[in-house]
Amino acid sequence: MAAAKLFFLAAAFLSGTAATAAASTSFIKTSCKITTFPDVCVASLSGYAQAINNNQENLVKTALSVSLDRAESTKEFVTKLLKFKGLKPREYEAIKDCVEETSDSVDRLSKSVSELKDMDRSHGNDFQWHMSNVETWVSAAITDENTCTDGFAGRALNGRIKASIRSRIANLAQVTSNALAFINHYAAKH
């Protein structure tokens, strides 16, 4: 009898958890419709459905944290490319500039994550000031990301390195753009 009750409670808990996860995933899919890259948005945030838990503020913080994580891994990737043998001088300089731009992006996104944490107790004008800072820094991070790919313009820098950097930076810029869309939407509602 006790085993039957335990089984029933476990089944009820698991079905509740599954329902909550499904609702959270649905919330993410619906929320991502306001972004420029909704498919990238859903793919990058679905794994965090339980942490987001149908909460707009959690969505903003998670999207920004995902962007920061992506920026850090992109910076590491680009930094490793500097060690490749046989790089043309122009390739080396473009990669070096890209490392600097991705480092700036990481710094700006880190400041934004911290600013959102500081904002938790803010209201009114303080809230708007914190959100304005975050919007500015995330916008600047997108500019940094795009500036990185500018260094690879032209035919002289065609090849696998250019393609791999552009692919990573494009994904990073999309994830960051989506985070900015959530930040702007959240700020406008408060």
Protein backbone atom coordinates (compact mmCIF):
# COMPACT_ATOMS: atom_id res chain seq x y z
CA MET A 1 0.00 0.00 0.00
CA ALA A 2 2.79 2.43 0.92
CA ALA A 3 4.61 1.50 -2.29
CA ALA A 4 1.46 2.25 -4.30
CA LYS A 5 1.12 5.68 -2.64
CA LEU A 6 4.80 6.42 -3.29
CA PHE A 7 4.41 5.39 -6.93
CA PHE A 8 1.32 7.59 -7.29
CA LEU A 9 3.09 10.60 -5.70
CA ALA A 10 6.16 10.09 -7.89
CA ALA A 11 4.00 9.83 -11.02
CA ALA A 12 2.06 12.95 -10.03
CA PHE A 13 5.29 14.84 -9.35
CA LEU A 14 6.87 13.74 -12.62
CA SER A 15 3.79 14.61 -14.66
CA GLY A 16 3.69 18.00 -12.92
CA THR A 17 7.35 18.53 -13.71
CA ALA A 18 6.79 17.50 -17.32
CA ALA A 19 3.82 19.86 -17.56
CA THR A 20 5.89 22.70 -16.08
CA ALA A 21 8.76 22.00 -18.47
CA ALA A 22 6.35 21.93 -21.42
CA ALA A 23 4.78 25.21 -20.30
CA SER A 24 8.22 26.77 -19.87
CA THR A 25 9.30 25.61 -23.33
CA SER A 26 6.08 27.02 -24.77
CA PHE A 27 6.78 30.31 -22.97
CA ILE A 28 10.24 30.41 -24.57
CA LYS A 29 8.88 29.69 -28.05
CA THR A 30 6.24 32.41 -27.69
CA SER A 31 8.73 34.90 -26.24
CA CYS A 32 11.25 34.23 -29.01
CA LYS A 33 8.77 35.48 -31.61
CA ILE A 34 9.76 39.08 -30.74
CA THR A 35 13.40 38.44 -31.64
CA THR A 36 15.08 38.81 -35.03
CA PHE A 37 16.36 35.23 -34.91
CA PRO A 38 13.56 33.15 -33.31
CA ASP A 39 14.94 29.73 -34.29
CA VAL A 40 18.34 30.55 -32.79
CA CYS A 41 16.53 31.93 -29.75
CA VAL A 42 14.55 28.75 -29.11
CA ALA A 43 17.59 26.55 -29.72
CA SER A 44 19.80 28.55 -27.35
CA LEU A 45 17.26 28.88 -24.51
CA SER A 46 15.21 25.65 -24.51
CA GLY A 47 17.78 23.87 -22.36
CA TYR A 48 17.12 26.46 -19.66
CA ALA A 49 13.33 26.12 -19.61
CA GLN A 50 13.15 25.14 -15.94
CA ALA A 51 15.40 28.02 -14.86
CA ILE A 52 13.37 30.48 -16.93
CA ASN A 53 10.15 29.06 -15.47
CA ASN A 54 7.70 31.28 -17.42
CA ASN A 55 9.25 34.41 -15.93
CA GLN A 56 10.18 37.40 -18.09
CA GLU A 57 12.98 38.57 -15.80
CA ASN A 58 14.50 35.07 -15.72
CA LEU A 59 14.24 34.98 -19.51
CA VAL A 60 16.17 38.25 -19.83
CA LYS A 61 18.87 37.16 -17.39
CA THR A 62 19.21 33.73 -18.96
CA ALA A 63 19.39 35.08 -22.52
CA LEU A 64 22.09 37.52 -21.47
CA SER A 65 24.03 34.80 -19.61
CA VAL A 66 23.83 32.53 -22.66
CA SER A 67 25.17 35.39 -24.78
CA LEU A 68 28.05 35.95 -22.35
CA ASP A 69 28.87 32.23 -22.35
CA ARG A 70 28.83 32.18 -26.16
CA ALA A 71 31.06 35.29 -26.27
CA GLU A 72 33.58 33.68 -23.91
CA SER A 73 33.75 30.47 -25.94
CA THR A 74 34.04 32.46 -29.18
CA LYS A 75 36.90 34.49 -27.71
CA GLU A 76 38.69 31.27 -26.71
CA PHE A 77 38.17 29.84 -30.20
CA VAL A 78 39.49 32.94 -31.97
CA THR A 79 42.44 33.20 -29.56
CA LYS A 80 43.45 29.61 -30.40
CA LEU A 81 43.50 30.52 -34.10
CA LEU A 82 46.36 32.95 -33.45
CA LYS A 83 48.58 29.92 -32.78
CA PHE A 84 48.01 28.38 -36.22
CA LYS A 85 51.16 27.95 -38.27
CA GLY A 86 51.31 29.45 -41.74
CA LEU A 87 48.96 32.37 -41.21
CA LYS A 88 49.35 35.20 -43.69
CA PRO A 89 50.31 38.49 -42.00
CA ARG A 90 46.93 40.00 -42.88
CA GLU A 91 45.11 36.94 -41.46
CA TYR A 92 47.11 37.18 -38.25
CA GLU A 93 46.26 40.88 -37.85
CA ALA A 94 42.56 40.27 -38.58
CA ILE A 95 42.46 37.46 -36.01
CA LYS A 96 44.32 39.60 -33.47
CA ASP A 97 41.80 42.43 -33.99
CA CYS A 98 38.96 39.93 -33.65
CA VAL A 99 40.37 38.70 -30.33
CA GLU A 100 40.35 42.30 -29.11
CA GLU A 101 36.78 42.85 -30.30
CA THR A 102 35.50 39.62 -28.74
CA SER A 103 37.31 40.53 -25.50
CA ASP A 104 35.49 43.87 -25.52
CA SER A 105 32.23 42.05 -26.15
CA VAL A 106 32.86 39.72 -23.19
CA ASP A 107 33.62 42.72 -20.97
CA ARG A 108 30.44 44.55 -21.98
CA LEU A 109 28.26 41.48 -21.57
CA SER A 110 29.85 40.76 -18.15
CA LYS A 111 29.07 44.30 -17.04
CA SER A 112 25.51 43.85 -18.28
CA VAL A 113 25.02 40.62 -16.31
CA SER A 114 26.33 42.35 -13.17
CA GLU A 115 24.13 45.37 -13.80
CA LEU A 116 21.04 43.15 -14.01
CA LYS A 117 21.95 41.58 -10.68
CA ASP A 118 22.38 45.05 -9.11
CA MET A 119 19.04 46.05 -10.57
CA ASP A 120 17.08 43.47 -8.57
CA ARG A 121 16.29 45.97 -5.82
CA SER A 122 15.75 48.95 -8.13
CA HIS A 123 12.53 50.78 -8.92
CA GLY A 124 11.50 53.81 -10.95
CA ASN A 125 14.36 55.95 -12.20
CA ASP A 126 17.00 53.60 -10.76
CA PHE A 127 15.50 50.72 -12.72
CA GLN A 128 15.49 52.76 -15.93
CA TRP A 129 19.10 53.86 -15.36
CA HIS A 130 20.27 50.25 -14.89
CA MET A 131 18.32 49.08 -17.94
CA SER A 132 19.72 51.93 -20.03
CA ASN A 133 23.24 50.85 -19.08
CA VAL A 134 22.49 47.25 -20.03
CA GLU A 135 20.90 48.27 -23.35
CA THR A 136 23.93 50.44 -24.20
CA TRP A 137 26.50 47.79 -23.31
CA VAL A 138 24.71 44.96 -25.12
CA SER A 139 24.32 47.15 -28.22
CA ALA A 140 28.04 47.92 -28.05
CA ALA A 141 28.80 44.20 -27.72
CA ILE A 142 26.91 43.57 -30.98
CA THR A 143 28.96 46.32 -32.64
CA ASP A 144 32.17 44.68 -31.35
CA GLU A 145 31.07 41.34 -32.76
CA ASN A 146 30.27 42.80 -36.17
CA THR A 147 33.54 44.75 -36.22
CA CYS A 148 35.42 41.47 -35.82
CA THR A 149 34.06 40.15 -39.11
CA ASP A 150 34.81 43.43 -40.89
CA GLY A 151 38.50 42.58 -40.61
CA PHE A 152 37.96 39.58 -42.88
CA ALA A 153 36.41 41.52 -45.76
CA GLY A 154 37.77 41.01 -49.24
CA ARG A 155 39.04 38.08 -51.23
CA ALA A 156 42.53 38.13 -49.77
CA LEU A 157 41.22 36.47 -46.62
CA ASN A 158 39.12 33.66 -48.05
CA GLY A 159 39.40 30.21 -46.57
CA ARG A 160 38.52 28.01 -43.64
CA ILE A 161 39.70 30.43 -40.95
CA LYS A 162 37.55 33.25 -42.31
CA ALA A 163 34.55 30.92 -42.68
CA SER A 164 34.89 29.46 -39.18
CA ILE A 165 35.28 32.87 -37.53
CA ARG A 166 32.38 34.35 -39.47
CA SER A 167 30.17 31.42 -38.54
CA ARG A 168 30.99 31.68 -34.82
CA ILE A 169 30.65 35.47 -34.78
CA ALA A 170 27.38 35.36 -36.72
CA ASN A 171 25.89 32.96 -34.17
CA LEU A 172 27.19 35.05 -31.28
CA ALA A 173 25.74 38.23 -32.80
CA GLN A 174 22.37 36.51 -33.29
CA VAL A 175 22.25 35.25 -29.69
CA THR A 176 23.28 38.70 -28.43
CA SER A 177 20.71 40.41 -30.66
CA ASN A 178 18.01 38.14 -29.22
CA ALA A 179 19.11 38.99 -25.68
CA LEU A 180 18.90 42.69 -26.55
CA ALA A 181 15.37 42.22 -27.90
CA PHE A 182 14.32 40.71 -24.55
CA ILE A 183 16.10 43.46 -22.63
CA ASN A 184 14.37 46.19 -24.67
CA HIS A 185 10.98 44.50 -24.31
CA TYR A 186 11.44 44.06 -20.56
CA ALA A 187 12.58 47.67 -20.09
CA ALA A 188 9.60 49.00 -22.07
CA LYS A 189 7.14 47.09 -19.85
CA HIS A 190 8.46 48.64 -16.63
